[in-house]
Amino acid sequence: MRLDRFLKVARIIKRRTLAKKVCDRGMVTVNGRPAKASTVLKPGDIVFVCLGSKTYHFEVLKLDEHPPAGLAASLYRPLEAQTGAGAEEEG
């Protein structure tokens, strides 16, 4: 699954277009390397997302194209304290 798609379905970022912009600006790394929106994720990958004052550091546990809202958080495991439940849209 593409990185931008995963960020959206896991409800880390609200919109896929915003997820793509964040990736294009170099604010996302996968396994310690800068990642493009098209980076293909697999279970076990370590992702770090920096959105201003909010940071997300997590391990991908499973990939699901259409998870129910209540199960979206089960797609990943937080690796350190995170701030916020989802990214706010940029203007």
C-alpha atoms as a PDB file:
ATOM      1  CA  MET A   1       0.000   0.000   0.000  1.00  0.00           C
ATOM      2  CA  ARG A   2       1.249   3.492  -0.832  1.00  0.00           C
ATOM      3  CA  LEU A   3       2.415   5.660   2.060  1.00  0.00           C
ATOM      4  CA  ASP A   4      -0.049   8.497   1.366  1.00  0.00           C
ATOM      5  CA  ARG A   5      -2.934   6.019   1.234  1.00  0.00           C
ATOM      6  CA  PHE A   6      -1.868   4.392   4.514  1.00  0.00           C
ATOM      7  CA  LEU A   7      -1.646   7.751   6.312  1.00  0.00           C
ATOM      8  CA  LYS A   8      -5.213   8.464   5.217  1.00  0.00           C
ATOM      9  CA  VAL A   9      -6.832   5.080   5.985  1.00  0.00           C
ATOM     10  CA  ALA A  10      -5.053   4.893   9.363  1.00  0.00           C
ATOM     11  CA  ARG A  11      -6.521   8.342  10.060  1.00  0.00           C
ATOM     12  CA  ILE A  12      -3.166   9.918  10.831  1.00  0.00           C
ATOM     13  CA  ILE A  13      -3.788  12.570   8.165  1.00  0.00           C
ATOM     14  CA  LYS A  14      -7.341  13.471   7.158  1.00  0.00           C
ATOM     15  CA  ARG A  15      -6.951  13.733   3.388  1.00  0.00           C
ATOM     16  CA  ARG A  16      -4.784  11.819   0.933  1.00  0.00           C
ATOM     17  CA  THR A  17      -3.853  14.992  -0.953  1.00  0.00           C
ATOM     18  CA  LEU A  18      -2.573  16.498   2.300  1.00  0.00           C
ATOM     19  CA  ALA A  19      -0.658  13.287   3.024  1.00  0.00           C
ATOM     20  CA  LYS A  20       0.970  13.581  -0.415  1.00  0.00           C
ATOM     21  CA  LYS A  21       1.986  17.196   0.239  1.00  0.00           C
ATOM     22  CA  VAL A  22       3.493  16.270   3.602  1.00  0.00           C
ATOM     23  CA  CYS A  23       5.529  13.502   1.971  1.00  0.00           C
ATOM     24  CA  ASP A  24       6.644  15.772  -0.882  1.00  0.00           C
ATOM     25  CA  ARG A  25       7.913  18.337   1.653  1.00  0.00           C
ATOM     26  CA  GLY A  26      10.197  15.735   3.238  1.00  0.00           C
ATOM     27  CA  MET A  27       8.291  15.553   6.523  1.00  0.00           C
ATOM     28  CA  VAL A  28       7.944  11.744   6.482  1.00  0.00           C
ATOM     29  CA  THR A  29      10.575   9.042   6.824  1.00  0.00           C
ATOM     30  CA  VAL A  30      10.207   5.282   6.465  1.00  0.00           C
ATOM     31  CA  ASN A  31      12.870   3.147   8.120  1.00  0.00           C
ATOM     32  CA  GLY A  32      15.021   6.253   8.617  1.00  0.00           C
ATOM     33  CA  ARG A  33      14.941   7.406   4.990  1.00  0.00           C
ATOM     34  CA  PRO A  34      12.961  10.296   3.477  1.00  0.00           C
ATOM     35  CA  ALA A  35       9.872   8.846   1.820  1.00  0.00           C
ATOM     36  CA  LYS A  36       7.803   9.869  -1.177  1.00  0.00           C
ATOM     37  CA  ALA A  37       4.028   9.493  -1.241  1.00  0.00           C
ATOM     38  CA  SER A  38       4.424   6.525  -3.576  1.00  0.00           C
ATOM     39  CA  THR A  39       6.659   4.570  -1.167  1.00  0.00           C
ATOM     40  CA  VAL A  40       5.185   1.086  -0.730  1.00  0.00           C
ATOM     41  CA  LEU A  41       4.734   0.153   2.921  1.00  0.00           C
ATOM     42  CA  LYS A  42       4.821  -3.338   4.379  1.00  0.00           C
ATOM     43  CA  PRO A  43       4.199  -4.623   7.902  1.00  0.00           C
ATOM     44  CA  GLY A  44       7.188  -3.938  10.129  1.00  0.00           C
ATOM     45  CA  ASP A  45       8.113  -0.591   8.540  1.00  0.00           C
ATOM     46  CA  ILE A  46       8.907   2.232  10.981  1.00  0.00           C
ATOM     47  CA  VAL A  47       7.351   5.579  10.010  1.00  0.00           C
ATOM     48  CA  PHE A  48       8.063   9.044  11.431  1.00  0.00           C
ATOM     49  CA  VAL A  49       5.778  11.965  10.499  1.00  0.00           C
ATOM     50  CA  CYS A  50       6.498  15.534  11.616  1.00  0.00           C
ATOM     51  CA  LEU A  51       3.638  18.035  11.268  1.00  0.00           C
ATOM     52  CA  GLY A  52       4.658  21.247  12.991  1.00  0.00           C
ATOM     53  CA  SER A  53       4.210  20.632  16.717  1.00  0.00           C
ATOM     54  CA  LYS A  54       2.695  17.179  16.130  1.00  0.00           C
ATOM     55  CA  THR A  55       4.873  14.139  15.599  1.00  0.00           C
ATOM     56  CA  TYR A  56       3.903  10.545  14.918  1.00  0.00           C
ATOM     57  CA  HIS A  57       6.361   7.659  15.256  1.00  0.00           C
ATOM     58  CA  PHE A  58       4.880   4.232  14.674  1.00  0.00           C
ATOM     59  CA  GLU A  59       5.366   0.718  13.331  1.00  0.00           C
ATOM     60  CA  VAL A  60       3.080  -0.548  10.579  1.00  0.00           C
ATOM     61  CA  LEU A  61       1.342  -3.699  11.831  1.00  0.00           C
ATOM     62  CA  LYS A  62      -0.984  -4.537   8.955  1.00  0.00           C
ATOM     63  CA  LEU A  63      -2.341  -3.109   5.734  1.00  0.00           C
ATOM     64  CA  ASP A  64      -6.062  -2.821   5.068  1.00  0.00           C
ATOM     65  CA  GLU A  65      -7.568  -0.822   2.203  1.00  0.00           C
ATOM     66  CA  HIS A  66     -10.927  -0.192   3.912  1.00  0.00           C
ATOM     67  CA  PRO A  67     -10.724  -0.506   7.713  1.00  0.00           C
ATOM     68  CA  PRO A  68     -13.746   0.511   9.804  1.00  0.00           C
ATOM     69  CA  ALA A  69     -13.157   3.775  11.691  1.00  0.00           C
ATOM     70  CA  GLY A  70     -12.927   1.959  15.008  1.00  0.00           C
ATOM     71  CA  LEU A  71     -10.158  -0.326  13.769  1.00  0.00           C
ATOM     72  CA  ALA A  72      -7.995   2.250  11.993  1.00  0.00           C
ATOM     73  CA  ALA A  73      -5.660   2.584  14.985  1.00  0.00           C
ATOM     74  CA  SER A  74      -5.024  -1.179  14.926  1.00  0.00           C
ATOM     75  CA  LEU A  75      -3.092  -0.762  11.666  1.00  0.00           C
ATOM     76  CA  TYR A  76      -0.093   0.665  13.533  1.00  0.00           C
ATOM     77  CA  ARG A  77       1.634   0.608  16.923  1.00  0.00           C
ATOM     78  CA  PRO A  78       2.876   3.894  18.424  1.00  0.00           C
ATOM     79  CA  LEU A  79       6.571   3.807  19.301  1.00  0.00           C
ATOM     80  CA  GLU A  80       6.706   6.967  21.423  1.00  0.00           C
ATOM     81  CA  ALA A  81       4.391   9.612  22.821  1.00  0.00           C
ATOM     82  CA  GLN A  82       2.345  11.307  20.113  1.00  0.00           C
ATOM     83  CA  THR A  83       0.494  14.566  20.180  1.00  0.00           C
ATOM     84  CA  GLY A  84      -2.963  14.900  18.654  1.00  0.00           C
ATOM     85  CA  ALA A  85      -5.381  12.324  17.274  1.00  0.00           C
ATOM     86  CA  GLY A  86      -5.151  13.480  13.668  1.00  0.00           C
ATOM     87  CA  ALA A  87      -3.481  16.188  11.666  1.00  0.00           C
ATOM     88  CA  GLU A  88      -5.230  19.472  11.151  1.00  0.00           C
ATOM     89  CA  GLU A  89      -5.636  20.619   7.602  1.00  0.00           C
ATOM     90  CA  GLU A  90      -3.192  23.230   6.390  1.00  0.00           C
ATOM     91  CA  GLY A  91      -4.512  26.395   4.828  1.00  0.00           C
END
